[in-house]
Amino acid sequence: ILTSVNDEQENVLHLACELGNKELVNFICQNALEYGILKFIINAKCEM
C-alpha cells in the first residue's frame, strides 16, 4: 500500500502531502520508517 502508485505515479505520501494532512503524513512516514522504505517513498517522483 505504501509503495503503490496511481495513474499519475503518485504514492500515498504524495496524496497525503497534497491534502496537507500532517497527521496522515506522520503516520505514513512512521510506518515507512518501520518497514525500511521511508527513503524510497519520500524520493518517489510522480509523472511530473
ModelCIF file with pLDDT and N, C-alpha, C, O atoms, coordinates in Angstrom:
data_MODEL
#
_entry.id   MODEL 
#
_entity.id                         1 
_entity.type                       polymer 
_entity.pdbx_number_of_molecules   1 
#
_entity_poly.entity_id                      1 
_entity_poly.type                           'polypeptide(L)' 
_entity_poly.nstd_linkage                   no 
_entity_poly.nstd_monomer                   no 
_entity_poly.pdbx_seq_one_letter_code       ILTSVNDEQENVLHLACELGNKELVNFICQNALEYGILKFIINAKCEM 
_entity_poly.pdbx_seq_one_letter_code_can   ILTSVNDEQENVLHLACELGNKELVNFICQNALEYGILKFIINAKCEM 
_entity_poly.pdbx_strand_id                 A 
#
loop_
_entity_poly_seq.entity_id 
_entity_poly_seq.num 
_entity_poly_seq.mon_id 
_entity_poly_seq.hetero 
1 1  ILE n 
1 2  LEU n 
1 3  THR n 
1 4  SER n 
1 5  VAL n 
1 6  ASN n 
1 7  ASP n 
1 8  GLU n 
1 9  GLN n 
1 10 GLU n 
1 11 ASN n 
1 12 VAL n 
1 13 LEU n 
1 14 HIS n 
1 15 LEU n 
1 16 ALA n 
1 17 CYS n 
1 18 GLU n 
1 19 LEU n 
1 20 GLY n 
1 21 ASN n 
1 22 LYS n 
1 23 GLU n 
1 24 LEU n 
1 25 VAL n 
1 26 ASN n 
1 27 PHE n 
1 28 ILE n 
1 29 CYS n 
1 30 GLN n 
1 31 ASN n 
1 32 ALA n 
1 33 LEU n 
1 34 GLU n 
1 35 TYR n 
1 36 GLY n 
1 37 ILE n 
1 38 LEU n 
1 39 LYS n 
1 40 PHE n 
1 41 ILE n 
1 42 ILE n 
1 43 ASN n 
1 44 ALA n 
1 45 LYS n 
1 46 CYS n 
1 47 GLU n 
1 48 MET n 
#
_struct_asym.id          A 
_struct_asym.entity_id   1 
#
loop_
_ma_qa_metric.id 
_ma_qa_metric.mode 
_ma_qa_metric.name 
_ma_qa_metric.software_group_id 
_ma_qa_metric.type 
1 global pLDDT . pLDDT 
2 local  pLDDT . pLDDT 
#
_ma_qa_metric_global.metric_id      1 
_ma_qa_metric_global.metric_value   93.17 
_ma_qa_metric_global.model_id       1 
_ma_qa_metric_global.ordinal_id     1 
#
loop_
_ma_qa_metric_local.label_asym_id 
_ma_qa_metric_local.label_comp_id 
_ma_qa_metric_local.label_seq_id 
_ma_qa_metric_local.metric_id 
_ma_qa_metric_local.metric_value 
_ma_qa_metric_local.model_id 
_ma_qa_metric_local.ordinal_id 
A ILE 1  2 92.00 1 1  
A LEU 2  2 93.00 1 2  
A THR 3  2 94.00 1 3  
A SER 4  2 95.00 1 4  
A VAL 5  2 96.00 1 5  
A ASN 6  2 96.00 1 6  
A ASP 7  2 96.00 1 7  
A GLU 8  2 96.00 1 8  
A GLN 9  2 96.00 1 9  
A GLU 10 2 96.00 1 10 
A ASN 11 2 96.00 1 11 
A VAL 12 2 96.00 1 12 
A LEU 13 2 95.00 1 13 
A HIS 14 2 95.00 1 14 
A LEU 15 2 93.00 1 15 
A ALA 16 2 93.00 1 16 
A CYS 17 2 91.00 1 17 
A GLU 18 2 89.00 1 18 
A LEU 19 2 88.00 1 19 
A GLY 20 2 82.00 1 20 
A ASN 21 2 85.00 1 21 
A LYS 22 2 83.00 1 22 
A GLU 23 2 89.00 1 23 
A LEU 24 2 92.00 1 24 
A VAL 25 2 90.00 1 25 
A ASN 26 2 90.00 1 26 
A PHE 27 2 93.00 1 27 
A ILE 28 2 95.00 1 28 
A CYS 29 2 93.00 1 29 
A GLN 30 2 94.00 1 30 
A ASN 31 2 94.00 1 31 
A ALA 32 2 95.00 1 32 
A LEU 33 2 94.00 1 33 
A GLU 34 2 94.00 1 34 
A TYR 35 2 94.00 1 35 
A GLY 36 2 94.00 1 36 
A ILE 37 2 95.00 1 37 
A LEU 38 2 94.00 1 38 
A LYS 39 2 94.00 1 39 
A PHE 40 2 94.00 1 40 
A ILE 41 2 94.00 1 41 
A ILE 42 2 94.00 1 42 
A ASN 43 2 95.00 1 43 
A ALA 44 2 96.00 1 44 
A LYS 45 2 96.00 1 45 
A CYS 46 2 94.00 1 46 
A GLU 47 2 95.00 1 47 
A MET 48 2 94.00 1 48 
#
loop_
_atom_site.group_PDB 
_atom_site.id 
_atom_site.type_symbol 
_atom_site.label_atom_id 
_atom_site.label_alt_id 
_atom_site.label_comp_id 
_atom_site.label_asym_id 
_atom_site.label_entity_id 
_atom_site.label_seq_id 
_atom_site.pdbx_PDB_ins_code 
_atom_site.Cartn_x 
_atom_site.Cartn_y 
_atom_site.Cartn_z 
_atom_site.occupancy 
_atom_site.B_iso_or_equiv 
_atom_site.pdbx_formal_charge 
_atom_site.auth_seq_id 
_atom_site.auth_comp_id 
_atom_site.auth_asym_id 
_atom_site.auth_atom_id 
_atom_site.pdbx_PDB_model_num 
ATOM 1   N N  . ILE A 1 1  ? 0.838  -1.206 0.000   1.00 92.00 ? 1  ILE A N  1 
ATOM 2   C CA . ILE A 1 1  ? 0.000  0.000  0.000   1.00 92.00 ? 1  ILE A CA 1 
ATOM 3   C C  . ILE A 1 1  ? 0.871  1.253  0.000   1.00 92.00 ? 1  ILE A C  1 
ATOM 4   O O  . ILE A 1 1  ? 0.590  2.199  -0.735  1.00 92.00 ? 1  ILE A O  1 
ATOM 5   N N  . LEU A 1 2  ? 1.914  1.269  0.809   1.00 93.00 ? 2  LEU A N  1 
ATOM 6   C CA . LEU A 1 2  ? 2.777  2.448  0.909   1.00 93.00 ? 2  LEU A CA 1 
ATOM 7   C C  . LEU A 1 2  ? 3.567  2.714  -0.365  1.00 93.00 ? 2  LEU A C  1 
ATOM 8   O O  . LEU A 1 2  ? 3.907  3.862  -0.652  1.00 93.00 ? 2  LEU A O  1 
ATOM 9   N N  . THR A 1 3  ? 3.862  1.674  -1.125  1.00 94.00 ? 3  THR A N  1 
ATOM 10  C CA . THR A 1 3  ? 4.703  1.836  -2.320  1.00 94.00 ? 3  THR A CA 1 
ATOM 11  C C  . THR A 1 3  ? 3.919  1.833  -3.624  1.00 94.00 ? 3  THR A C  1 
ATOM 12  O O  . THR A 1 3  ? 4.485  2.114  -4.680  1.00 94.00 ? 3  THR A O  1 
ATOM 13  N N  . SER A 1 4  ? 2.631  1.521  -3.574  1.00 95.00 ? 4  SER A N  1 
ATOM 14  C CA . SER A 1 4  ? 1.818  1.512  -4.790  1.00 95.00 ? 4  SER A CA 1 
ATOM 15  C C  . SER A 1 4  ? 1.624  2.935  -5.315  1.00 95.00 ? 4  SER A C  1 
ATOM 16  O O  . SER A 1 4  ? 1.653  3.899  -4.550  1.00 95.00 ? 4  SER A O  1 
ATOM 17  N N  . VAL A 1 5  ? 1.429  3.050  -6.606  1.00 96.00 ? 5  VAL A N  1 
ATOM 18  C CA . VAL A 1 5  ? 1.229  4.361  -7.231  1.00 96.00 ? 5  VAL A CA 1 
ATOM 19  C C  . VAL A 1 5  ? -0.044 4.353  -8.070  1.00 96.00 ? 5  VAL A C  1 
ATOM 20  O O  . VAL A 1 5  ? -0.506 3.301  -8.514  1.00 96.00 ? 5  VAL A O  1 
ATOM 21  N N  . ASN A 1 6  ? -0.602 5.541  -8.279  1.00 96.00 ? 6  ASN A N  1 
ATOM 22  C CA . ASN A 1 6  ? -1.792 5.679  -9.113  1.00 96.00 ? 6  ASN A CA 1 
ATOM 23  C C  . ASN A 1 6  ? -1.369 5.947  -10.559 1.00 96.00 ? 6  ASN A C  1 
ATOM 24  O O  . ASN A 1 6  ? -0.193 5.806  -10.897 1.00 96.00 ? 6  ASN A O  1 
ATOM 25  N N  . ASP A 1 7  ? -2.313 6.328  -11.405 1.00 96.00 ? 7  ASP A N  1 
ATOM 26  C CA . ASP A 1 7  ? -2.027 6.553  -12.824 1.00 96.00 ? 7  ASP A CA 1 
ATOM 27  C C  . ASP A 1 7  ? -1.034 7.697  -13.055 1.00 96.00 ? 7  ASP A C  1 
ATOM 28  O O  . ASP A 1 7  ? -0.354 7.728  -14.081 1.00 96.00 ? 7  ASP A O  1 
ATOM 29  N N  . GLU A 1 8  ? -0.949 8.628  -12.116 1.00 96.00 ? 8  GLU A N  1 
ATOM 30  C CA . GLU A 1 8  ? -0.011 9.750  -12.222 1.00 96.00 ? 8  GLU A CA 1 
ATOM 31  C C  . GLU A 1 8  ? 1.324  9.437  -11.538 1.00 96.00 ? 8  GLU A C  1 
ATOM 32  O O  . GLU A 1 8  ? 2.165  10.320 -11.369 1.00 96.00 ? 8  GLU A O  1 
ATOM 33  N N  . GLN A 1 9  ? 1.507  8.177  -11.149 1.00 96.00 ? 9  GLN A N  1 
ATOM 34  C CA . GLN A 1 9  ? 2.711  7.704  -10.461 1.00 96.00 ? 9  GLN A CA 1 
ATOM 35  C C  . GLN A 1 9  ? 2.887  8.323  -9.086  1.00 96.00 ? 9  GLN A C  1 
ATOM 36  O O  . GLN A 1 9  ? 4.012  8.454  -8.604  1.00 96.00 ? 9  GLN A O  1 
ATOM 37  N N  . GLU A 1 10 ? 1.779  8.706  -8.446  1.00 96.00 ? 10 GLU A N  1 
ATOM 38  C CA . GLU A 1 10 ? 1.827  9.254  -7.094  1.00 96.00 ? 10 GLU A CA 1 
ATOM 39  C C  . GLU A 1 10 ? 1.574  8.134  -6.087  1.00 96.00 ? 10 GLU A C  1 
ATOM 40  O O  . GLU A 1 10 ? 0.674  7.313  -6.263  1.00 96.00 ? 10 GLU A O  1 
ATOM 41  N N  . ASN A 1 11 ? 2.389  8.117  -5.027  1.00 96.00 ? 11 ASN A N  1 
ATOM 42  C CA . ASN A 1 11 ? 2.156  7.150  -3.959  1.00 96.00 ? 11 ASN A CA 1 
ATOM 43  C C  . ASN A 1 11 ? 1.258  7.782  -2.892  1.00 96.00 ? 11 ASN A C  1 
ATOM 44  O O  . ASN A 1 11 ? 0.825  8.926  -3.030  1.00 96.00 ? 11 ASN A O  1 
ATOM 45  N N  . VAL A 1 12 ? 0.988  7.038  -1.848  1.00 96.00 ? 12 VAL A N  1 
ATOM 46  C CA . VAL A 1 12 ? 0.086  7.509  -0.801  1.00 96.00 ? 12 VAL A CA 1 
ATOM 47  C C  . VAL A 1 12 ? 0.650  8.745  -0.089  1.00 96.00 ? 12 VAL A C  1 
ATOM 48  O O  . VAL A 1 12 ? -0.116 9.583  0.388   1.00 96.00 ? 12 VAL A O  1 
ATOM 49  N N  . LEU A 1 13 ? 1.964  8.864  -0.014  1.00 95.00 ? 13 LEU A N  1 
ATOM 50  C CA . LEU A 1 13 ? 2.560  10.049 0.616   1.00 95.00 ? 13 LEU A CA 1 
ATOM 51  C C  . LEU A 1 13 ? 2.339  11.286 -0.253  1.00 95.00 ? 13 LEU A C  1 
ATOM 52  O O  . LEU A 1 13 ? 2.077  12.370 0.269   1.00 95.00 ? 13 LEU A O  1 
ATOM 53  N N  . HIS A 1 14 ? 2.443  11.133 -1.576  1.00 95.00 ? 14 HIS A N  1 
ATOM 54  C CA . HIS A 1 14 ? 2.113  12.252 -2.467  1.00 95.00 ? 14 HIS A CA 1 
ATOM 55  C C  . HIS A 1 14 ? 0.710  12.775 -2.148  1.00 95.00 ? 14 HIS A C  1 
ATOM 56  O O  . HIS A 1 14 ? 0.499  13.978 -1.996  1.00 95.00 ? 14 HIS A O  1 
ATOM 57  N N  . LEU A 1 15 ? -0.232 11.855 -2.053  1.00 93.00 ? 15 LEU A N  1 
ATOM 58  C CA . LEU A 1 15 ? -1.633 12.247 -1.842  1.00 93.00 ? 15 LEU A CA 1 
ATOM 59  C C  . LEU A 1 15 ? -1.844 12.906 -0.483  1.00 93.00 ? 15 LEU A C  1 
ATOM 60  O O  . LEU A 1 15 ? -2.568 13.895 -0.375  1.00 93.00 ? 15 LEU A O  1 
ATOM 61  N N  . ALA A 1 16 ? -1.216 12.362 0.543   1.00 93.00 ? 16 ALA A N  1 
ATOM 62  C CA . ALA A 1 16 ? -1.336 12.963 1.883   1.00 93.00 ? 16 ALA A CA 1 
ATOM 63  C C  . ALA A 1 16 ? -0.726 14.364 1.898   1.00 93.00 ? 16 ALA A C  1 
ATOM 64  O O  . ALA A 1 16 ? -1.263 15.275 2.528   1.00 93.00 ? 16 ALA A O  1 
ATOM 65  N N  . CYS A 1 17 ? 0.388  14.528 1.207   1.00 91.00 ? 17 CYS A N  1 
ATOM 66  C CA . CYS A 1 17 ? 1.033  15.842 1.144   1.00 91.00 ? 17 CYS A CA 1 
ATOM 67  C C  . CYS A 1 17 ? 0.189  16.831 0.347   1.00 91.00 ? 17 CYS A C  1 
ATOM 68  O O  . CYS A 1 17 ? 0.112  18.007 0.703   1.00 91.00 ? 17 CYS A O  1 
ATOM 69  N N  . GLU A 1 18 ? -0.440 16.365 -0.722  1.00 89.00 ? 18 GLU A N  1 
ATOM 70  C CA . GLU A 1 18 ? -1.329 17.238 -1.496  1.00 89.00 ? 18 GLU A CA 1 
ATOM 71  C C  . GLU A 1 18 ? -2.473 17.750 -0.638  1.00 89.00 ? 18 GLU A C  1 
ATOM 72  O O  . GLU A 1 18 ? -2.911 18.890 -0.793  1.00 89.00 ? 18 GLU A O  1 
ATOM 73  N N  . LEU A 1 19 ? -2.956 16.905 0.268   1.00 88.00 ? 19 LEU A N  1 
ATOM 74  C CA . LEU A 1 19 ? -4.032 17.312 1.171   1.00 88.00 ? 19 LEU A CA 1 
ATOM 75  C C  . LEU A 1 19 ? -3.522 18.197 2.305   1.00 88.00 ? 19 LEU A C  1 
ATOM 76  O O  . LEU A 1 19 ? -4.298 18.922 2.928   1.00 88.00 ? 19 LEU A O  1 
ATOM 77  N N  . GLY A 1 20 ? -2.209 18.138 2.574   1.00 82.00 ? 20 GLY A N  1 
ATOM 78  C CA . GLY A 1 20 ? -1.649 18.892 3.685   1.00 82.00 ? 20 GLY A CA 1 
ATOM 79  C C  . GLY A 1 20 ? -2.036 18.330 5.032   1.00 82.00 ? 20 GLY A C  1 
ATOM 80  O O  . GLY A 1 20 ? -2.123 19.064 6.016   1.00 82.00 ? 20 GLY A O  1 
ATOM 81  N N  . ASN A 1 21 ? -2.271 17.025 5.084   1.00 85.00 ? 21 ASN A N  1 
ATOM 82  C CA . ASN A 1 21 ? -2.724 16.367 6.307   1.00 85.00 ? 21 ASN A CA 1 
ATOM 83  C C  . ASN A 1 21 ? -1.525 15.910 7.135   1.00 85.00 ? 21 ASN A C  1 
ATOM 84  O O  . ASN A 1 21 ? -0.958 14.848 6.880   1.00 85.00 ? 21 ASN A O  1 
ATOM 85  N N  . LYS A 1 22 ? -1.143 16.712 8.124   1.00 83.00 ? 22 LYS A N  1 
ATOM 86  C CA . LYS A 1 22 ? 0.038  16.449 8.943   1.00 83.00 ? 22 LYS A CA 1 
ATOM 87  C C  . LYS A 1 22 ? -0.029 15.102 9.645   1.00 83.00 ? 22 LYS A C  1 
ATOM 88  O O  . LYS A 1 22 ? 0.960  14.370 9.672   1.00 83.00 ? 22 LYS A O  1 
ATOM 89  N N  . GLU A 1 23 ? -1.169 14.769 10.208  1.00 89.00 ? 23 GLU A N  1 
ATOM 90  C CA . GLU A 1 23 ? -1.297 13.505 10.927  1.00 89.00 ? 23 GLU A CA 1 
ATOM 91  C C  . GLU A 1 23 ? -1.106 12.317 9.990   1.00 89.00 ? 23 GLU A C  1 
ATOM 92  O O  . GLU A 1 23 ? -0.437 11.345 10.341  1.00 89.00 ? 23 GLU A O  1 
ATOM 93  N N  . LEU A 1 24 ? -1.692 12.394 8.806   1.00 92.00 ? 24 LEU A N  1 
ATOM 94  C CA . LEU A 1 24 ? -1.563 11.309 7.836   1.00 92.00 ? 24 LEU A CA 1 
ATOM 95  C C  . LEU A 1 24 ? -0.133 11.207 7.316   1.00 92.00 ? 24 LEU A C  1 
ATOM 96  O O  . LEU A 1 24 ? 0.390  10.104 7.156   1.00 92.00 ? 24 LEU A O  1 
ATOM 97  N N  . VAL A 1 25 ? 0.501  12.343 7.050   1.00 90.00 ? 25 VAL A N  1 
ATOM 98  C CA . VAL A 1 25 ? 1.896  12.340 6.600   1.00 90.00 ? 25 VAL A CA 1 
ATOM 99  C C  . VAL A 1 25 ? 2.782  11.698 7.665   1.00 90.00 ? 25 VAL A C  1 
ATOM 100 O O  . VAL A 1 25 ? 3.630  10.865 7.344   1.00 90.00 ? 25 VAL A O  1 
ATOM 101 N N  . ASN A 1 26 ? 2.596  12.076 8.924   1.00 90.00 ? 26 ASN A N  1 
ATOM 102 C CA . ASN A 1 26 ? 3.388  11.488 10.006  1.00 90.00 ? 26 ASN A CA 1 
ATOM 103 C C  . ASN A 1 26 ? 3.125  9.990  10.139  1.00 90.00 ? 26 ASN A C  1 
ATOM 104 O O  . ASN A 1 26 ? 4.058  9.213  10.341  1.00 90.00 ? 26 ASN A O  1 
ATOM 105 N N  . PHE A 1 27 ? 1.863  9.578  10.029  1.00 93.00 ? 27 PHE A N  1 
ATOM 106 C CA . PHE A 1 27 ? 1.511  8.165  10.117  1.00 93.00 ? 27 PHE A CA 1 
ATOM 107 C C  . PHE A 1 27 ? 2.195  7.364  9.007   1.00 93.00 ? 27 PHE A C  1 
ATOM 108 O O  . PHE A 1 27 ? 2.775  6.309  9.263   1.00 93.00 ? 27 PHE A O  1 
ATOM 109 N N  . ILE A 1 28 ? 2.127  7.863  7.793   1.00 95.00 ? 28 ILE A N  1 
ATOM 110 C CA . ILE A 1 28 ? 2.756  7.185  6.651   1.00 95.00 ? 28 ILE A CA 1 
ATOM 111 C C  . ILE A 1 28 ? 4.261  7.110  6.847   1.00 95.00 ? 28 ILE A C  1 
ATOM 112 O O  . ILE A 1 28 ? 4.868  6.062  6.631   1.00 95.00 ? 28 ILE A O  1 
ATOM 113 N N  . CYS A 1 29 ? 4.865  8.225  7.258   1.00 93.00 ? 29 CYS A N  1 
ATOM 114 C CA . CYS A 1 29 ? 6.326  8.253  7.439   1.00 93.00 ? 29 CYS A CA 1 
ATOM 115 C C  . CYS A 1 29 ? 6.769  7.320  8.561   1.00 93.00 ? 29 CYS A C  1 
ATOM 116 O O  . CYS A 1 29 ? 7.786  6.639  8.428   1.00 93.00 ? 29 CYS A O  1 
ATOM 117 N N  . GLN A 1 30 ? 6.031  7.277  9.653   1.00 94.00 ? 30 GLN A N  1 
ATOM 118 C CA . GLN A 1 30 ? 6.375  6.377  10.758  1.00 94.00 ? 30 GLN A CA 1 
ATOM 119 C C  . GLN A 1 30 ? 6.344  4.925  10.304  1.00 94.00 ? 30 GLN A C  1 
ATOM 120 O O  . GLN A 1 30 ? 7.250  4.151  10.613  1.00 94.00 ? 30 GLN A O  1 
ATOM 121 N N  . ASN A 1 31 ? 5.290  4.556  9.563   1.00 94.00 ? 31 ASN A N  1 
ATOM 122 C CA . ASN A 1 31 ? 5.184  3.184  9.077   1.00 94.00 ? 31 ASN A CA 1 
ATOM 123 C C  . ASN A 1 31 ? 6.262  2.875  8.051   1.00 94.00 ? 31 ASN A C  1 
ATOM 124 O O  . ASN A 1 31 ? 6.854  1.796  8.075   1.00 94.00 ? 31 ASN A O  1 
ATOM 125 N N  . ALA A 1 32 ? 6.516  3.800  7.165   1.00 95.00 ? 32 ALA A N  1 
ATOM 126 C CA . ALA A 1 32 ? 7.551  3.594  6.154   1.00 95.00 ? 32 ALA A CA 1 
ATOM 127 C C  . ALA A 1 32 ? 8.927  3.458  6.811   1.00 95.00 ? 32 ALA A C  1 
ATOM 128 O O  . ALA A 1 32 ? 9.746  2.652  6.370   1.00 95.00 ? 32 ALA A O  1 
ATOM 129 N N  . LEU A 1 33 ? 9.184  4.236  7.854   1.00 94.00 ? 33 LEU A N  1 
ATOM 130 C CA . LEU A 1 33 ? 10.444 4.134  8.584   1.00 94.00 ? 33 LEU A CA 1 
ATOM 131 C C  . LEU A 1 33 ? 10.571 2.756  9.223   1.00 94.00 ? 33 LEU A C  1 
ATOM 132 O O  . LEU A 1 33 ? 11.629 2.128  9.164   1.00 94.00 ? 33 LEU A O  1 
ATOM 133 N N  . GLU A 1 34 ? 9.489  2.296  9.831   1.00 94.00 ? 34 GLU A N  1 
ATOM 134 C CA . GLU A 1 34 ? 9.481  0.981  10.477  1.00 94.00 ? 34 GLU A CA 1 
ATOM 135 C C  . GLU A 1 34 ? 9.781  -0.140 9.485   1.00 94.00 ? 34 GLU A C  1 
ATOM 136 O O  . GLU A 1 34 ? 10.448 -1.116 9.830   1.00 94.00 ? 34 GLU A O  1 
ATOM 137 N N  . TYR A 1 35 ? 9.289  -0.001 8.252   1.00 94.00 ? 35 TYR A N  1 
ATOM 138 C CA . TYR A 1 35 ? 9.483  -1.044 7.241   1.00 94.00 ? 35 TYR A CA 1 
ATOM 139 C C  . TYR A 1 35 ? 10.722 -0.823 6.379   1.00 94.00 ? 35 TYR A C  1 
ATOM 140 O O  . TYR A 1 35 ? 10.985 -1.589 5.452   1.00 94.00 ? 35 TYR A O  1 
ATOM 141 N N  . GLY A 1 36 ? 11.481 0.228  6.689   1.00 94.00 ? 36 GLY A N  1 
ATOM 142 C CA . GLY A 1 36 ? 12.728 0.474  5.961   1.00 94.00 ? 36 GLY A CA 1 
ATOM 143 C C  . GLY A 1 36 ? 12.541 1.008  4.551   1.00 94.00 ? 36 GLY A C  1 
ATOM 144 O O  . GLY A 1 36 ? 13.419 0.839  3.705   1.00 94.00 ? 36 GLY A O  1 
ATOM 145 N N  . ILE A 1 37 ? 11.402 1.654  4.283   1.00 95.00 ? 37 ILE A N  1 
ATOM 146 C CA . ILE A 1 37 ? 11.138 2.164  2.936   1.00 95.00 ? 37 ILE A CA 1 
ATOM 147 C C  . ILE A 1 37 ? 10.901 3.674  2.916   1.00 95.00 ? 37 ILE A C  1 
ATOM 148 O O  . ILE A 1 37 ? 10.433 4.215  1.914   1.00 95.00 ? 37 ILE A O  1 
ATOM 149 N N  . LEU A 1 38 ? 11.217 4.347  4.006   1.00 94.00 ? 38 LEU A N  1 
ATOM 150 C CA . LEU A 1 38 ? 10.965 5.784  4.095   1.00 94.00 ? 38 LEU A CA 1 
ATOM 151 C C  . LEU A 1 38 ? 11.687 6.544  2.990   1.00 94.00 ? 38 LEU A C  1 
ATOM 152 O O  . LEU A 1 38 ? 11.080 7.368  2.307   1.00 94.00 ? 38 LEU A O  1 
ATOM 153 N N  . LYS A 1 39 ? 12.962 6.276  2.812   1.00 94.00 ? 39 LYS A N  1 
ATOM 154 C CA . LYS A 1 39 ? 13.737 6.981  1.781   1.00 94.00 ? 39 LYS A CA 1 
ATOM 155 C C  . LYS A 1 39 ? 13.116 6.760  0.402   1.00 94.00 ? 39 LYS A C  1 
ATOM 156 O O  . LYS A 1 39 ? 13.064 7.675  -0.420  1.00 94.00 ? 39 LYS A O  1 
ATOM 157 N N  . PHE A 1 40 ? 12.650 5.546  0.162   1.00 94.00 ? 40 PHE A N  1 
ATOM 158 C CA . PHE A 1 40 ? 12.055 5.213  -1.124  1.00 94.00 ? 40 PHE A CA 1 
ATOM 159 C C  . PHE A 1 40 ? 10.790 6.034  -1.393  1.00 94.00 ? 40 PHE A C  1 
ATOM 160 O O  . PHE A 1 40 ? 10.650 6.612  -2.471  1.00 94.00 ? 40 PHE A O  1 
ATOM 161 N N  . ILE A 1 41 ? 9.864  6.093  -0.421  1.00 94.00 ? 41 ILE A N  1 
ATOM 162 C CA . ILE A 1 41 ? 8.611  6.799  -0.695  1.00 94.00 ? 41 ILE A CA 1 
ATOM 163 C C  . ILE A 1 41 ? 8.777  8.316  -0.674  1.00 94.00 ? 41 ILE A C  1 
ATOM 164 O O  . ILE A 1 41 ? 8.047  9.024  -1.366  1.00 94.00 ? 41 ILE A O  1 
ATOM 165 N N  . ILE A 1 42 ? 9.724  8.822  0.108   1.00 94.00 ? 42 ILE A N  1 
ATOM 166 C CA . ILE A 1 42 ? 9.967  10.272 0.129   1.00 94.00 ? 42 ILE A CA 1 
ATOM 167 C C  . ILE A 1 42 ? 10.591 10.731 -1.188  1.00 94.00 ? 42 ILE A C  1 
ATOM 168 O O  . ILE A 1 42 ? 10.293 11.825 -1.667  1.00 94.00 ? 42 ILE A O  1 
ATOM 169 N N  . ASN A 1 43 ? 11.443 9.910  -1.766  1.00 95.00 ? 43 ASN A N  1 
ATOM 170 C CA . ASN A 1 43 ? 12.128 10.277 -3.001  1.00 95.00 ? 43 ASN A CA 1 
ATOM 171 C C  . ASN A 1 43 ? 11.382 9.885  -4.270  1.00 95.00 ? 43 ASN A C  1 
ATOM 172 O O  . ASN A 1 43 ? 11.844 10.180 -5.372  1.00 95.00 ? 43 ASN A O  1 
ATOM 173 N N  . ALA A 1 44 ? 10.232 9.221  -4.130  1.00 96.00 ? 44 ALA A N  1 
ATOM 174 C CA . ALA A 1 44 ? 9.456  8.807  -5.299  1.00 96.00 ? 44 ALA A CA 1 
ATOM 175 C C  . ALA A 1 44 ? 8.966  10.038 -6.057  1.00 96.00 ? 44 ALA A C  1 
ATOM 176 O O  . ALA A 1 44 ? 8.528  11.018 -5.454  1.00 96.00 ? 44 ALA A O  1 
ATOM 177 N N  . LYS A 1 45 ? 9.045  9.975  -7.378  1.00 96.00 ? 45 LYS A N  1 
ATOM 178 C CA . LYS A 1 45 ? 8.621  11.101 -8.216  1.00 96.00 ? 45 LYS A CA 1 
ATOM 179 C C  . LYS A 1 45 ? 7.394  10.718 -9.029  1.00 96.00 ? 45 LYS A C  1 
ATOM 180 O O  . LYS A 1 45 ? 7.298  9.618  -9.571  1.00 96.00 ? 45 LYS A O  1 
ATOM 181 N N  . CYS A 1 46 ? 6.462  11.655 -9.096  1.00 94.00 ? 46 CYS A N  1 
ATOM 182 C CA . CYS A 1 46 ? 5.269  11.441 -9.908  1.00 94.00 ? 46 CYS A CA 1 
ATOM 183 C C  . CYS A 1 46 ? 5.640  11.642 -11.378 1.00 94.00 ? 46 CYS A C  1 
ATOM 184 O O  . CYS A 1 46 ? 6.798  11.917 -11.695 1.00 94.00 ? 46 CYS A O  1 
ATOM 185 N N  . GLU A 1 47 ? 4.675  11.509 -12.259 1.00 95.00 ? 47 GLU A N  1 
ATOM 186 C CA . GLU A 1 47 ? 4.971  11.619 -13.686 1.00 95.00 ? 47 GLU A CA 1 
ATOM 187 C C  . GLU A 1 47 ? 5.477  13.011 -14.073 1.00 95.00 ? 47 GLU A C  1 
ATOM 188 O O  . GLU A 1 47 ? 6.068  13.180 -15.139 1.00 95.00 ? 47 GLU A O  1 
ATOM 189 N N  . MET A 1 48 ? 5.247  14.003 -13.214 1.00 94.00 ? 48 MET A N  1 
ATOM 190 C CA . MET A 1 48 ? 5.769  15.349 -13.471 1.00 94.00 ? 48 MET A CA 1 
ATOM 191 C C  . MET A 1 48 ? 7.132  15.557 -12.823 1.00 94.00 ? 48 MET A C  1 
ATOM 192 O O  . MET A 1 48 ? 7.714  16.636 -12.941 1.00 94.00 ? 48 MET A O  1 
#
